[in-house]
C-alpha cells in the first residue's frame, strides 16, 4: 500500500497531528489515477482543512506492506479542522523529540533532525 505524508512548514514550525495516542506527519493513502503530489494535497485538505504547496520528496520509508512517501510542503491557507485527528500542533524541529510518534514517523523525525530541513 502506498501512503503519503507531509512535513508542512509554516515559518520555522512544522505541523504534527495526533491520531489516537500517537503523533504523525499527516497524509493518507494514494488513490487510483492520482499522483503522489495530488494525494498529499487532497489528504491534507480532507483531514485538516488546510491547503499546502508541495516542495519536494523528502524520503521513502517502508515497513511490511506500507510504502510511505514523505514530502516537504509549505502551508498556504486555511484554518486547521480536526476531521480525523484529535490534536494538531505547529512545533519547532527541536521539539520533535518531545512527542511520541508512530514507528515510521519516528524514522522521519530522525531524518529531519539530521538534515535540518
C-alpha atoms as a PDB file:
ATOM      1  CA  UNK A   1       0.000   0.000   0.000  1.00  0.00           C
ATOM      2  CA  UNK A   2       1.355   3.396  -0.970  1.00  0.00           C
ATOM      3  CA  UNK A   3       0.807   6.185   1.534  1.00  0.00           C
ATOM      4  CA  UNK A   4       1.914   9.813   1.502  1.00  0.00           C
ATOM      5  CA  UNK A   5       2.794  12.161   4.358  1.00  0.00           C
ATOM      6  CA  UNK A   6       3.784  15.813   4.519  1.00  0.00           C
ATOM      7  CA  UNK A   7       6.258  17.743   6.600  1.00  0.00           C
ATOM      8  CA  UNK A   8       4.338  21.017   6.415  1.00  0.00           C
ATOM      9  CA  UNK A   9       6.256  24.164   7.229  1.00  0.00           C
ATOM     10  CA  UNK A  10       4.874  27.492   8.391  1.00  0.00           C
ATOM     11  CA  UNK A  11       7.741  29.827   9.132  1.00  0.00           C
ATOM     12  CA  UNK A  12      10.151  27.927  11.383  1.00  0.00           C
ATOM     13  CA  UNK A  13       7.473  25.469  12.602  1.00  0.00           C
ATOM     14  CA  UNK A  14       6.258  22.099  11.297  1.00  0.00           C
ATOM     15  CA  UNK A  15       2.771  20.619  11.647  1.00  0.00           C
ATOM     16  CA  UNK A  16       2.239  17.376  13.538  1.00  0.00           C
ATOM     17  CA  UNK A  17      -1.101  15.676  14.145  1.00  0.00           C
ATOM     18  CA  UNK A  18      -2.263  13.196  16.762  1.00  0.00           C
ATOM     19  CA  UNK A  19      -4.391  10.169  15.929  1.00  0.00           C
ATOM     20  CA  UNK A  20      -5.282   8.121  18.975  1.00  0.00           C
ATOM     21  CA  UNK A  21      -2.322   8.325  21.341  1.00  0.00           C
ATOM     22  CA  UNK A  22       0.468   8.741  18.739  1.00  0.00           C
ATOM     23  CA  UNK A  23       1.686  11.692  16.694  1.00  0.00           C
ATOM     24  CA  UNK A  24       2.303  11.642  12.949  1.00  0.00           C
ATOM     25  CA  UNK A  25       3.052  13.738   9.938  1.00  0.00           C
ATOM     26  CA  UNK A  26      -0.378  13.957   8.279  1.00  0.00           C
ATOM     27  CA  UNK A  27      -1.219  12.277   4.999  1.00  0.00           C
ATOM     28  CA  UNK A  28      -3.002   9.247   3.622  1.00  0.00           C
ATOM     29  CA  UNK A  29      -3.499   6.538   1.029  1.00  0.00           C
ATOM     30  CA  UNK A  30      -2.841   7.021  -2.653  1.00  0.00           C
ATOM     31  CA  UNK A  31      -5.987   6.609  -4.764  1.00  0.00           C
ATOM     32  CA  UNK A  32      -6.159   5.138  -8.268  1.00  0.00           C
ATOM     33  CA  UNK A  33      -5.134   7.530 -11.082  1.00  0.00           C
ATOM     34  CA  UNK A  34      -3.739  10.066  -8.610  1.00  0.00           C
ATOM     35  CA  UNK A  35      -0.199  11.429  -8.461  1.00  0.00           C
ATOM     36  CA  UNK A  36       1.521  11.406  -5.081  1.00  0.00           C
ATOM     37  CA  UNK A  37       1.525  15.212  -5.030  1.00  0.00           C
ATOM     38  CA  UNK A  38      -2.231  15.264  -5.722  1.00  0.00           C
ATOM     39  CA  UNK A  39      -2.721  12.666  -2.991  1.00  0.00           C
ATOM     40  CA  UNK A  40      -0.915  14.571  -0.272  1.00  0.00           C
ATOM     41  CA  UNK A  41      -2.665  17.848  -1.115  1.00  0.00           C
ATOM     42  CA  UNK A  42      -6.077  16.114  -1.121  1.00  0.00           C
ATOM     43  CA  UNK A  43      -5.415  14.239   2.122  1.00  0.00           C
ATOM     44  CA  UNK A  44      -4.270  17.369   3.962  1.00  0.00           C
ATOM     45  CA  UNK A  45      -7.355  19.254   2.747  1.00  0.00           C
ATOM     46  CA  UNK A  46      -9.672  16.378   3.789  1.00  0.00           C
ATOM     47  CA  UNK A  47      -8.028  15.657   7.139  1.00  0.00           C
ATOM     48  CA  UNK A  48      -7.098  19.157   8.297  1.00  0.00           C
ATOM     49  CA  UNK A  49      -8.965  21.638   6.082  1.00  0.00           C
ATOM     50  CA  UNK A  50      -5.811  23.483   5.010  1.00  0.00           C
ATOM     51  CA  UNK A  51      -4.090  23.957   1.669  1.00  0.00           C
ATOM     52  CA  UNK A  52      -0.423  23.237   1.058  1.00  0.00           C
ATOM     53  CA  UNK A  53       2.077  23.568  -1.760  1.00  0.00           C
ATOM     54  CA  UNK A  54       4.367  20.589  -2.248  1.00  0.00           C
ATOM     55  CA  UNK A  55       8.076  21.424  -2.393  1.00  0.00           C
ATOM     56  CA  UNK A  56       9.791  18.065  -3.000  1.00  0.00           C
ATOM     57  CA  UNK A  57      10.003  14.438  -1.971  1.00  0.00           C
ATOM     58  CA  UNK A  58      11.950  14.137   1.282  1.00  0.00           C
ATOM     59  CA  UNK A  59      12.241  10.361   1.740  1.00  0.00           C
ATOM     60  CA  UNK A  60      10.578   6.963   1.390  1.00  0.00           C
ATOM     61  CA  UNK A  61      10.106   4.680   4.393  1.00  0.00           C
ATOM     62  CA  UNK A  62       8.980   1.056   4.152  1.00  0.00           C
ATOM     63  CA  UNK A  63       7.574  -1.317   6.738  1.00  0.00           C
ATOM     64  CA  UNK A  64       5.716  -4.541   5.983  1.00  0.00           C
ATOM     65  CA  UNK A  65       3.123  -3.692   3.304  1.00  0.00           C
ATOM     66  CA  UNK A  66       3.407   0.081   3.733  1.00  0.00           C
ATOM     67  CA  UNK A  67       5.490   2.301   1.464  1.00  0.00           C
ATOM     68  CA  UNK A  68       5.404   5.830   2.884  1.00  0.00           C
ATOM     69  CA  UNK A  69       6.383   8.683   0.542  1.00  0.00           C
ATOM     70  CA  UNK A  70       7.187  11.799   2.549  1.00  0.00           C
ATOM     71  CA  UNK A  71       7.126  15.286   1.040  1.00  0.00           C
ATOM     72  CA  UNK A  72       8.143  18.680   2.308  1.00  0.00           C
ATOM     73  CA  UNK A  73       5.442  21.286   1.837  1.00  0.00           C
ATOM     74  CA  UNK A  74       4.535  24.830   2.744  1.00  0.00           C
ATOM     75  CA  UNK A  75       1.322  25.858   4.483  1.00  0.00           C
ATOM     76  CA  UNK A  76      -0.642  28.097   2.120  1.00  0.00           C
ATOM     77  CA  UNK A  77      -4.027  28.887   3.684  1.00  0.00           C
ATOM     78  CA  UNK A  78      -6.927  27.725   5.789  1.00  0.00           C
ATOM     79  CA  UNK A  79      -7.724  27.087   9.431  1.00  0.00           C
ATOM     80  CA  UNK A  80      -6.965  23.672  10.892  1.00  0.00           C
ATOM     81  CA  UNK A  81     -10.037  21.484  11.418  1.00  0.00           C
ATOM     82  CA  UNK A  82      -9.576  18.161  13.188  1.00  0.00           C
ATOM     83  CA  UNK A  83     -11.629  15.923  10.873  1.00  0.00           C
ATOM     84  CA  UNK A  84      -9.677  12.700  11.605  1.00  0.00           C
ATOM     85  CA  UNK A  85      -7.187  13.692  14.312  1.00  0.00           C
ATOM     86  CA  UNK A  86      -7.714  14.544  17.969  1.00  0.00           C
ATOM     87  CA  UNK A  87      -4.994  17.232  18.026  1.00  0.00           C
ATOM     88  CA  UNK A  88      -2.619  19.149  15.751  1.00  0.00           C
ATOM     89  CA  UNK A  89       0.252  21.489  16.626  1.00  0.00           C
ATOM     90  CA  UNK A  90       2.797  23.726  14.990  1.00  0.00           C
ATOM     91  CA  UNK A  91       6.120  22.982  16.686  1.00  0.00           C
ATOM     92  CA  UNK A  92       9.804  23.726  16.201  1.00  0.00           C
ATOM     93  CA  UNK A  93      12.046  20.972  14.822  1.00  0.00           C
ATOM     94  CA  UNK A  94      13.926  20.983  18.130  1.00  0.00           C
ATOM     95  CA  UNK A  95      10.665  19.946  19.872  1.00  0.00           C
ATOM     96  CA  UNK A  96      10.045  16.795  17.794  1.00  0.00           C
ATOM     97  CA  UNK A  97      11.665  14.510  20.384  1.00  0.00           C
ATOM     98  CA  UNK A  98       9.075  15.630  22.950  1.00  0.00           C
ATOM     99  CA  UNK A  99       6.294  13.731  21.131  1.00  0.00           C
ATOM    100  CA  UNK A 100       5.523  10.015  20.810  1.00  0.00           C
ATOM    101  CA  UNK A 101       5.354   9.327  17.060  1.00  0.00           C
ATOM    102  CA  UNK A 102       4.170   6.290  15.122  1.00  0.00           C
ATOM    103  CA  UNK A 103       7.086   3.948  14.175  1.00  0.00           C
ATOM    104  CA  UNK A 104       7.560   5.129  10.567  1.00  0.00           C
ATOM    105  CA  UNK A 105       7.186   8.742  11.648  1.00  0.00           C
ATOM    106  CA  UNK A 106       9.961   8.248  14.245  1.00  0.00           C
ATOM    107  CA  UNK A 107      12.284   7.455  11.325  1.00  0.00           C
ATOM    108  CA  UNK A 108      11.177  10.668   9.607  1.00  0.00           C
ATOM    109  CA  UNK A 109      11.921  12.668  12.782  1.00  0.00           C
ATOM    110  CA  UNK A 110      15.494  11.307  12.787  1.00  0.00           C
ATOM    111  CA  UNK A 111      15.944  12.228   9.129  1.00  0.00           C
ATOM    112  CA  UNK A 112      14.544  15.723   9.682  1.00  0.00           C
ATOM    113  CA  UNK A 113      16.931  16.279  12.560  1.00  0.00           C
ATOM    114  CA  UNK A 114      19.934  15.006  10.585  1.00  0.00           C
ATOM    115  CA  UNK A 115      19.051  17.081   7.509  1.00  0.00           C
ATOM    116  CA  UNK A 116      17.749  20.128   9.399  1.00  0.00           C
ATOM    117  CA  UNK A 117      15.203  20.867   6.682  1.00  0.00           C
END
